[in-house]
Protein backbone atom coordinates (compact mmCIF):
# COMPACT_ATOMS: atom_id res chain seq x y z
CA UNK A 1 -9.37 34.06 -52.55
CA UNK A 2 -12.64 32.88 -50.96
CA UNK A 3 -11.53 29.29 -51.41
CA UNK A 4 -8.22 30.00 -49.68
CA UNK A 5 -10.01 31.76 -46.81
CA UNK A 6 -12.36 28.78 -46.44
CA UNK A 7 -9.44 26.36 -46.29
CA UNK A 8 -7.66 28.57 -43.76
CA UNK A 9 -10.73 28.75 -41.50
CA UNK A 10 -11.27 25.01 -41.80
CA UNK A 11 -7.67 24.35 -40.78
CA UNK A 12 -7.97 26.69 -37.78
CA UNK A 13 -11.20 24.93 -36.75
CA UNK A 14 -9.61 21.49 -37.01
CA UNK A 15 -6.57 22.57 -34.97
CA UNK A 16 -8.86 24.09 -32.37
CA UNK A 17 -10.86 20.86 -32.18
CA UNK A 18 -7.71 18.79 -31.79
CA UNK A 19 -6.48 21.11 -29.05
CA UNK A 20 -9.84 20.87 -27.31
CA UNK A 21 -9.82 17.07 -27.48
CA UNK A 22 -6.33 16.76 -26.05
CA UNK A 23 -7.24 19.20 -23.30
CA UNK A 24 -10.28 17.16 -22.26
CA UNK A 25 -8.27 13.97 -21.98
CA UNK A 26 -9.41 12.33 -25.24
CA UNK A 27 -6.87 10.05 -26.88
CA UNK A 28 -6.37 10.90 -30.55
CA UNK A 29 -3.51 8.42 -31.03
CA UNK A 30 -4.12 5.46 -28.70
CA UNK A 31 -1.55 3.30 -30.51
CA UNK A 32 1.33 5.75 -30.10
CA UNK A 33 4.52 3.77 -29.43
CA UNK A 34 6.12 6.11 -26.91
CA UNK A 35 4.76 6.07 -23.36
CA UNK A 36 5.67 7.66 -20.04
CA UNK A 37 5.31 6.13 -16.57
CA UNK A 38 5.33 7.98 -13.26
CA UNK A 39 6.29 6.32 -9.97
CA UNK A 40 8.26 6.97 -6.78
CA UNK A 41 11.07 5.20 -4.89
CA UNK A 42 14.08 4.34 -7.10
CA UNK A 43 14.97 1.22 -5.10
CA UNK A 44 11.50 -0.31 -5.21
CA UNK A 45 8.88 0.85 -7.73
CA UNK A 46 11.30 2.35 -10.24
CA UNK A 47 13.51 -0.73 -10.02
CA UNK A 48 10.47 -2.92 -10.74
CA UNK A 49 9.54 -0.76 -13.73
CA UNK A 50 13.03 -1.12 -15.17
CA UNK A 51 12.78 -4.92 -14.94
CA UNK A 52 9.36 -4.82 -16.64
CA UNK A 53 10.62 -2.44 -19.32
CA UNK A 54 13.58 -4.69 -20.12
CA UNK A 55 11.36 -7.76 -20.53
CA UNK A 56 8.71 -5.95 -22.59
CA UNK A 57 11.11 -4.19 -24.95
CA UNK A 58 12.84 -7.49 -25.71
CA UNK A 59 9.58 -8.44 -27.47
CA UNK A 60 8.57 -4.94 -28.60
CA UNK A 61 11.73 -3.09 -29.69
CA UNK A 62 9.63 -0.48 -31.51
CA UNK A 63 8.22 0.83 -28.20
CA UNK A 64 9.89 3.59 -26.20
CA UNK A 65 9.17 3.65 -22.45
CA UNK A 66 10.12 6.71 -20.43
CA UNK A 67 10.26 6.08 -16.67
CA UNK A 68 10.04 9.24 -14.59
CA UNK A 69 10.69 9.29 -10.85
CA UNK A 70 8.66 11.72 -8.75
CA UNK A 71 8.03 11.92 -5.04
CA UNK A 72 4.65 10.41 -4.23
CA UNK A 73 3.36 13.76 -2.93
CA UNK A 74 4.38 15.42 -6.20
CA UNK A 75 2.53 12.80 -8.24
CA UNK A 76 -0.63 13.36 -6.21
CA UNK A 77 -0.33 17.13 -6.62
CA UNK A 78 0.34 16.98 -10.36
CA UNK A 79 -2.58 14.61 -10.95
CA UNK A 80 -4.95 16.76 -8.94
CA UNK A 81 -3.80 19.98 -10.61
CA UNK A 82 -4.11 18.57 -14.12
CA UNK A 83 -7.38 16.73 -13.65
CA UNK A 84 -8.99 19.62 -11.72
CA UNK A 85 -8.23 21.89 -14.66
CA UNK A 86 -10.00 19.47 -17.00
CA UNK A 87 -6.92 18.44 -18.95
CA UNK A 88 -4.63 15.44 -19.13
CA UNK A 89 -2.00 17.40 -21.04
CA UNK A 90 1.40 16.77 -19.48
CA UNK A 91 0.18 13.74 -17.55
CA UNK A 92 1.71 10.27 -18.05
CA UNK A 93 0.35 7.19 -19.79
CA UNK A 94 0.74 5.12 -16.61
CA UNK A 95 0.81 6.31 -13.02
CA UNK A 96 1.39 4.48 -9.75
CA UNK A 97 -1.19 5.38 -7.09
CA UNK A 98 -1.18 4.28 -3.46
CA UNK A 99 -4.17 2.06 -2.68
CA UNK A 100 -5.36 4.32 0.14
CA UNK A 101 -5.74 7.18 -2.39
CA UNK A 102 -6.97 5.46 -5.55
CA UNK A 103 -10.72 5.80 -5.00
CA UNK A 104 -10.34 9.57 -4.68
CA UNK A 105 -9.12 9.68 -8.27
CA UNK A 106 -11.36 6.96 -9.72
CA UNK A 107 -14.57 8.41 -8.32
CA UNK A 108 -13.70 12.03 -9.08
CA UNK A 109 -12.23 11.47 -12.57
CA UNK A 110 -13.35 8.06 -13.92
CA UNK A 111 -13.09 9.24 -17.55
CA UNK A 112 -9.43 10.09 -17.08
CA UNK A 113 -8.48 6.44 -16.53
CA UNK A 114 -8.72 3.50 -18.88
CA UNK A 115 -10.99 0.60 -17.98
CA UNK A 116 -8.58 -2.36 -17.93
CA UNK A 117 -11.29 -5.02 -17.70
CA UNK A 118 -10.46 -6.31 -21.19
CA UNK A 119 -6.74 -6.54 -20.39
CA UNK A 120 -6.66 -8.14 -16.93
CA UNK A 121 -8.96 -9.88 -14.48
CA UNK A 122 -9.17 -8.47 -10.97
CA UNK A 123 -9.83 -11.98 -9.66
CA UNK A 124 -6.33 -12.98 -10.79
CA UNK A 125 -4.94 -10.88 -7.95
CA UNK A 126 -5.17 -10.98 -4.15
CA UNK A 127 -8.81 -10.50 -3.15
CA UNK A 128 -8.16 -7.50 -0.91
CA UNK A 129 -6.84 -5.52 -3.91
CA UNK A 130 -10.30 -5.47 -5.50
CA UNK A 131 -11.59 -2.68 -3.26
CA UNK A 132 -9.08 0.03 -4.15
CA UNK A 133 -8.56 -0.84 -7.83
CA UNK A 134 -12.14 -1.18 -9.14
CA UNK A 135 -15.11 1.18 -9.40
CA UNK A 136 -18.67 0.74 -10.65
CA UNK A 137 -17.95 -2.81 -11.77
CA UNK A 138 -14.92 -1.81 -13.86
CA UNK A 139 -11.32 -2.88 -13.22
CA UNK A 140 -9.20 0.24 -13.55
CA UNK A 141 -6.05 -0.61 -11.63
CA UNK A 142 -3.43 -3.26 -12.25
CA UNK A 143 -2.65 -4.43 -8.69
CA UNK A 144 1.04 -4.27 -7.86
CA UNK A 145 2.78 -4.89 -4.56
CA UNK A 146 1.50 -6.43 -1.37
CA UNK A 147 1.76 -4.55 1.91
CA UNK A 148 0.89 -7.76 3.76
CA UNK A 149 1.93 -7.59 7.38
CA UNK A 150 3.93 -9.85 9.64
CA UNK A 151 5.55 -9.68 13.05
CA UNK A 152 9.35 -9.55 12.83
CA UNK A 153 10.79 -10.82 16.14
CA UNK A 154 14.24 -11.07 17.70
CA UNK A 155 14.54 -14.73 18.61
CA UNK A 156 17.44 -14.15 21.01
CA UNK A 157 15.44 -11.65 23.08
CA UNK A 158 12.44 -13.97 23.11
CA UNK A 159 14.63 -16.84 24.31
CA UNK A 160 15.96 -14.78 27.23
CA UNK A 161 12.34 -14.12 28.24
CA UNK A 162 11.41 -17.81 27.97
CA UNK A 163 9.61 -17.71 24.61
CA UNK A 164 10.15 -19.02 21.09
CA UNK A 165 8.68 -18.03 17.71
CA UNK A 166 6.44 -21.09 18.01
CA UNK A 167 4.78 -19.44 21.02
CA UNK A 168 3.76 -16.52 18.79
CA UNK A 169 2.04 -18.35 15.94
CA UNK A 170 -1.52 -17.76 17.15
CA UNK A 171 -1.60 -14.84 19.57
CA UNK A 172 -3.76 -11.78 20.13
CA UNK A 173 -2.57 -8.33 21.16
CA UNK A 174 -3.17 -9.02 24.86
CA UNK A 175 -0.73 -11.93 24.66
CA UNK A 176 1.69 -9.77 22.66
CA UNK A 177 1.71 -7.21 25.48
CA UNK A 178 2.20 -9.96 28.06
CA UNK A 179 5.23 -11.27 26.15
CA UNK A 180 6.47 -7.70 25.73
CA UNK A 181 6.44 -7.17 29.49
CA UNK A 182 8.45 -10.36 30.00
CA UNK A 183 10.98 -9.33 27.35
CA UNK A 184 11.35 -5.88 28.95
CA UNK A 185 11.82 -7.42 32.41
CA UNK A 186 14.46 -9.92 31.25
CA UNK A 187 16.36 -7.94 28.61
CA UNK A 188 15.58 -4.27 29.25
CA UNK A 189 14.51 -3.99 25.61
CA UNK A 190 11.23 -2.45 24.50
CA UNK A 191 8.93 -4.73 22.55
CA UNK A 192 8.35 -2.34 19.64
CA UNK A 193 8.85 1.21 18.42
CA UNK A 194 6.01 3.55 17.46
CA UNK A 195 5.48 7.10 16.24
CA UNK A 196 2.16 8.19 17.83
CA UNK A 197 1.60 10.46 14.83
CA UNK A 198 1.71 7.49 12.44
CA UNK A 199 -1.38 5.31 12.84
CA UNK A 200 -0.26 2.51 10.52
CA UNK A 201 -0.43 -0.11 13.27
CA UNK A 202 -4.00 0.87 14.21
CA UNK A 203 -4.96 0.71 10.52
CA UNK A 204 -3.51 -2.79 10.26
CA UNK A 205 -5.31 -3.93 13.41
CA UNK A 206 -8.74 -2.87 12.14
CA UNK A 207 -8.22 -4.28 8.64
CA UNK A 208 -7.37 -7.64 10.22
CA UNK A 209 -11.05 -7.65 11.29
CA UNK A 210 -12.38 -6.45 7.93
CA UNK A 211 -13.09 -2.97 9.29
CA UNK A 212 -12.06 0.55 8.25
CA UNK A 213 -12.49 4.24 9.08
CA UNK A 214 -15.34 4.34 6.56
CA UNK A 215 -18.43 2.22 6.01
CA UNK A 216 -18.76 -0.06 3.00
CA UNK A 217 -19.87 2.84 0.79
CA UNK A 218 -16.38 4.31 1.20
CA UNK A 219 -17.81 7.71 2.12
CA UNK A 220 -19.59 7.54 5.50
CA UNK A 221 -17.33 7.87 8.58
CA UNK A 222 -17.30 4.69 10.66
CA UNK A 223 -15.67 5.74 13.92
CA UNK A 224 -18.20 5.87 16.77
CA UNK A 225 -19.55 2.38 17.38
CA UNK A 226 -16.71 0.75 15.42
CA UNK A 227 -15.88 -2.17 17.75
CA UNK A 228 -12.69 -3.12 15.90
CA UNK A 229 -11.35 0.43 16.03
CA UNK A 230 -12.19 0.77 19.72
CA UNK A 231 -10.38 -2.47 20.58
CA UNK A 232 -7.41 -1.53 18.38
CA UNK A 233 -7.02 1.81 20.14
CA UNK A 234 -7.37 0.18 23.56
CA UNK A 235 -4.61 -2.27 22.62
CA UNK A 236 -2.48 0.59 21.31
CA UNK A 237 -2.78 2.54 24.58
CA UNK A 238 -2.19 -0.61 26.62
CA UNK A 239 1.21 -0.99 24.94
CA UNK A 240 2.22 2.51 26.02
CA UNK A 241 0.78 1.98 29.50
CA UNK A 242 2.81 -1.23 29.82
CA UNK A 243 5.97 0.74 29.05
CA UNK A 244 7.02 -1.58 26.21
CA UNK A 245 7.06 1.05 23.44
CA UNK A 246 10.14 2.98 22.32
CA UNK A 247 8.76 6.22 20.89
CA UNK A 248 10.13 7.54 17.60
CA UNK A 249 9.30 10.67 15.65
CA UNK A 250 10.47 9.94 12.12
CA UNK A 251 11.50 7.23 9.67
CA UNK A 252 15.21 7.31 10.52
CA UNK A 253 14.47 6.83 14.23
CA UNK A 254 12.11 3.98 13.36
CA UNK A 255 14.87 2.20 11.43
CA UNK A 256 17.47 2.92 14.09
CA UNK A 257 15.31 1.36 16.80
CA UNK A 258 15.53 -2.14 15.37
CA UNK A 259 18.87 -1.86 13.57
CA UNK A 260 20.49 -0.84 16.88
CA UNK A 261 18.87 -3.76 18.71
CA UNK A 262 16.72 -1.53 20.92
CA UNK A 263 13.43 -3.36 20.27
CA UNK A 264 12.35 -7.00 20.15
CA UNK A 265 9.73 -6.88 17.39
CA UNK A 266 8.55 -4.92 14.36
CA UNK A 267 4.87 -5.40 13.43
CA UNK A 268 4.52 -3.90 9.95
CA UNK A 269 4.38 -4.53 6.21
CA UNK A 270 6.73 -6.93 4.44
CA UNK A 271 8.39 -4.02 2.64
CA UNK A 272 10.50 -3.50 5.78
CA UNK A 273 12.44 -6.74 5.13
CA UNK A 274 15.40 -5.07 3.33
CA UNK A 275 15.70 -2.55 6.18
CA UNK A 276 15.70 -5.33 8.79
CA UNK A 277 18.41 -7.17 6.84
CA UNK A 278 20.48 -4.00 6.46
CA UNK A 279 22.10 -4.75 9.84
CA UNK A 280 24.15 -7.79 8.82
CA UNK A 281 25.41 -8.39 12.35
CA UNK A 282 21.89 -9.49 13.35
CA UNK A 283 21.74 -12.33 10.83
CA UNK A 284 20.22 -15.46 12.35
CA UNK A 285 18.60 -13.51 15.18
CA UNK A 286 15.28 -12.73 13.49
CA UNK A 287 12.12 -14.65 12.57
CA UNK A 288 8.77 -13.61 11.12
CA UNK A 289 5.54 -14.76 12.79
CA UNK A 290 1.88 -14.08 11.93
CA UNK A 291 0.36 -10.70 12.73
CA UNK A 292 -1.52 -10.81 16.08
CA UNK A 293 -5.31 -10.60 15.92
CA UNK A 294 -7.89 -8.66 17.91
CA UNK A 295 -9.07 -10.78 20.85
CA UNK A 296 -12.66 -9.61 21.22
CA UNK A 297 -13.60 -8.66 17.66
CA UNK A 298 -15.17 -11.50 15.62
CA UNK A 299 -13.56 -12.40 12.29
CA UNK A 300 -10.18 -10.86 13.13
CA UNK A 301 -7.44 -12.90 11.42
CA UNK A 302 -3.65 -13.15 11.52
CA UNK A 303 -3.24 -11.18 8.29
CA UNK A 304 -3.50 -7.52 7.38
CA UNK A 305 -1.98 -4.88 5.15
CA UNK A 306 -0.07 -1.61 5.43
CA UNK A 307 0.46 0.36 2.24
CA UNK A 308 0.67 -1.07 -1.26
CA UNK A 309 -0.06 0.53 -4.61
CA UNK A 310 -1.35 -0.22 -8.11
CA UNK A 311 -0.81 0.92 -11.71
CA UNK A 312 -3.33 3.00 -13.69
CA UNK A 313 -3.43 3.67 -17.43
CA UNK A 314 -4.61 7.15 -18.37
CA UNK A 315 -6.79 8.05 -21.37
CA UNK A 316 -4.09 9.86 -23.31
CA UNK A 317 -2.22 9.23 -26.56
CA UNK A 318 -0.48 5.86 -26.36
CA UNK A 319 -3.04 4.27 -24.04
CA UNK A 320 -3.28 1.08 -26.14
CA UNK A 321 0.48 0.63 -25.91
CA UNK A 322 0.42 1.42 -22.20
CA UNK A 323 -2.38 -1.09 -21.58
CA UNK A 324 -0.47 -3.78 -23.48
CA UNK A 325 2.69 -3.03 -21.48
CA UNK A 326 0.75 -3.48 -18.25
CA UNK A 327 -1.03 -6.62 -19.49
CA UNK A 328 2.17 -8.37 -20.59
CA UNK A 329 4.22 -7.45 -17.51
CA UNK A 330 2.58 -6.72 -14.15
CA UNK A 331 -0.70 -8.22 -15.34
CA UNK A 332 0.57 -11.71 -16.17
CA UNK A 333 4.36 -12.25 -16.25
CA UNK A 334 5.19 -14.80 -13.54
CA UNK A 335 8.92 -14.65 -14.27
CA UNK A 336 8.90 -10.90 -13.79
CA UNK A 337 7.49 -11.41 -10.31
CA UNK A 338 10.21 -13.97 -9.55
CA UNK A 339 12.82 -11.42 -10.66
CA UNK A 340 11.22 -8.66 -8.59
CA UNK A 341 11.35 -10.82 -5.48
CA UNK A 342 14.90 -12.09 -6.07
CA UNK A 343 16.42 -8.76 -7.06
CA UNK A 344 14.32 -6.19 -5.19
CA UNK A 345 12.37 -8.00 -2.49
CA UNK A 346 8.94 -7.13 -3.88
CA UNK A 347 6.04 -9.44 -3.07
CA UNK A 348 3.40 -9.04 -5.76
CA UNK A 349 -0.30 -9.79 -5.60
CA UNK A 350 -0.72 -11.82 -8.82
CA UNK A 351 -2.02 -15.16 -7.51
CA UNK A 352 -0.38 -17.31 -10.18
CA UNK A 353 3.02 -15.78 -9.35
CA UNK A 354 2.84 -16.36 -5.59
CA UNK A 355 4.98 -19.49 -5.67
CA UNK A 356 8.15 -20.71 -7.32
CA UNK A 357 11.85 -20.86 -6.52
CA UNK A 358 12.05 -17.26 -5.27
CA UNK A 359 9.36 -17.96 -2.68
CA UNK A 360 10.74 -21.34 -1.64
CA UNK A 361 14.18 -19.98 -0.86
CA UNK A 362 15.30 -20.30 2.76
CA UNK A 363 16.68 -17.05 4.18
CA UNK A 364 19.56 -17.57 6.57
CA UNK A 365 19.14 -14.07 7.99
CA UNK A 366 15.83 -15.35 9.37
CA UNK A 367 17.25 -18.63 10.61
CA UNK A 368 16.54 -20.49 7.37
CA UNK A 369 12.85 -19.55 7.39
CA UNK A 370 11.07 -19.31 4.03
CA UNK A 371 9.65 -15.92 4.88
CA UNK A 372 8.38 -15.10 1.39
CA UNK A 373 6.31 -18.26 1.25
CA UNK A 374 4.77 -17.22 4.57
CA UNK A 375 4.06 -13.71 3.31
CA UNK A 376 2.52 -15.11 0.12
CA UNK A 377 0.18 -17.27 2.21
CA UNK A 378 -0.81 -14.35 4.43
CA UNK A 379 -1.47 -12.19 1.36
CA UNK A 380 -4.34 -14.51 0.42
CA UNK A 381 -5.86 -14.06 3.90
CA UNK A 382 -5.93 -10.24 4.10
CA UNK A 383 -9.55 -9.03 4.52
CA UNK A 384 -10.90 -6.87 1.71
CA UNK A 385 -12.05 -3.43 2.87
CA UNK A 386 -13.09 -0.29 1.03
CA UNK A 387 -10.45 2.36 1.75
CA UNK A 388 -12.85 4.85 0.19
CA UNK A 389 -12.44 8.57 -0.30
CA UNK A 390 -11.39 9.91 3.08
CA UNK A 391 -8.80 7.66 4.72
CA UNK A 392 -6.17 10.36 5.17
CA UNK A 393 -8.67 13.13 5.97
CA UNK A 394 -10.07 11.05 8.82
CA UNK A 395 -6.60 10.01 9.93
CA UNK A 396 -5.61 13.67 10.26
CA UNK A 397 -8.45 14.06 12.76
CA UNK A 398 -7.62 10.73 14.40
CA UNK A 399 -3.97 11.64 14.95
CA UNK A 400 -4.86 14.57 17.17
CA UNK A 401 -7.41 12.58 19.14
CA UNK A 402 -5.06 9.62 19.61
CA UNK A 403 -2.68 11.98 21.43
CA UNK A 404 -5.60 13.07 23.63
CA UNK A 405 -6.48 9.44 24.28
CA UNK A 406 -2.92 8.53 25.25
CA UNK A 407 -3.01 11.52 27.61
CA UNK A 408 -6.09 10.19 29.40
CA UNK A 409 -9.21 11.19 27.44
CA UNK A 410 -12.04 8.64 27.56
CA UNK A 411 -12.08 6.28 24.56
CA UNK A 412 -15.78 6.69 23.77
CA UNK A 413 -15.44 10.48 23.91
CA UNK A 414 -12.47 10.24 21.54
CA UNK A 415 -14.38 8.12 19.01
CA UNK A 416 -17.51 10.28 19.24
CA UNK A 417 -15.48 13.46 18.75
CA UNK A 418 -13.66 12.04 15.71
CA UNK A 419 -17.00 10.94 14.25
CA UNK A 420 -18.51 14.41 14.74
CA UNK A 421 -15.49 16.20 13.27
CA UNK A 422 -15.35 13.83 10.30
CA UNK A 423 -19.06 14.26 9.55
CA UNK A 424 -18.75 18.05 9.73
CA UNK A 425 -15.58 18.18 7.61
CA UNK A 426 -16.63 15.67 4.95
CA UNK A 427 -20.14 16.94 4.18
């Protein structure tokens, strides 16, 4: 009887220990052959995952890969809820995280994510991806898509105003505004569309100069005294003052502005290409030129980034399988990247996959221009900045103050007020 009681207690203790380990995020079965991946956007990220899954399972038929679509906001909430509670139970083996948010997770929960340094080399990817995907000398993320920017322009509107795409190869934002005024005068069309509550264009302007809302430590607000940010905001207001901006208030209005022919340019990330091409009647009327640079800020270049995300393997059962899946697909498979570009329009950041037939293809919609080769080149030129911990928290403050600035508030007062609010809020 005593022996049976001892065995029963021992079993209960072992089960309790196992439960405790799984709750803390420990991986008791790293080689498990069934894995789950979380991502958003069925036409982009999920589509890429399905291509990767197909190629990997052709070589590893014993592996089961479950791809689960969630809204990005839901992924962020589920990760925070689970990790805040001290458990990885119910979380996936692999999760896609936007680059602007990744350091929040890596610095708060480094033990929850697998160090991928033995599986991939960060230097194999675009240099600017190093900031968001690594921490404390360890490579956690597998860099995925490029949000490299370009300037999409309507060549017919430019021609009416006396300009060609060749005139826009090496311009700053002052020249952009000058051209925008000419286009408006000759065609009646606005030069671009903007939602004043979405500061993506300002973000892209400052990254083109290697600057950000935060200092290099990724924690200290860098608003007051930030020359690149001041010039970017002055350029932004100058566009509105010149009456060349068609205001929008949501994504559908943004798309409608260029699909309807109401604007002459779209300065944004390359991921907008499928939406530009959605209006087939405009084929042959578009070109893509380099992103304008800041005129008075040293080191500003004709390349920047808006958006982008990377893959992270979590320390849960099946992590070895998950790491191998990432290594063999997004971490090294050049043909996968060719397929992603041909079938989905995704430009990756793996350096060795930034050329090939998919990139060399002329696109008749853009007048025969090899736009993907151009985007691949610009990807290598994007300055590396530390997006840090508080990008969106600071941008929430910035959004309110940008409205005040557009309404007439002094620029230095705006920047000083944002700095003070950020310092108080982020203590």
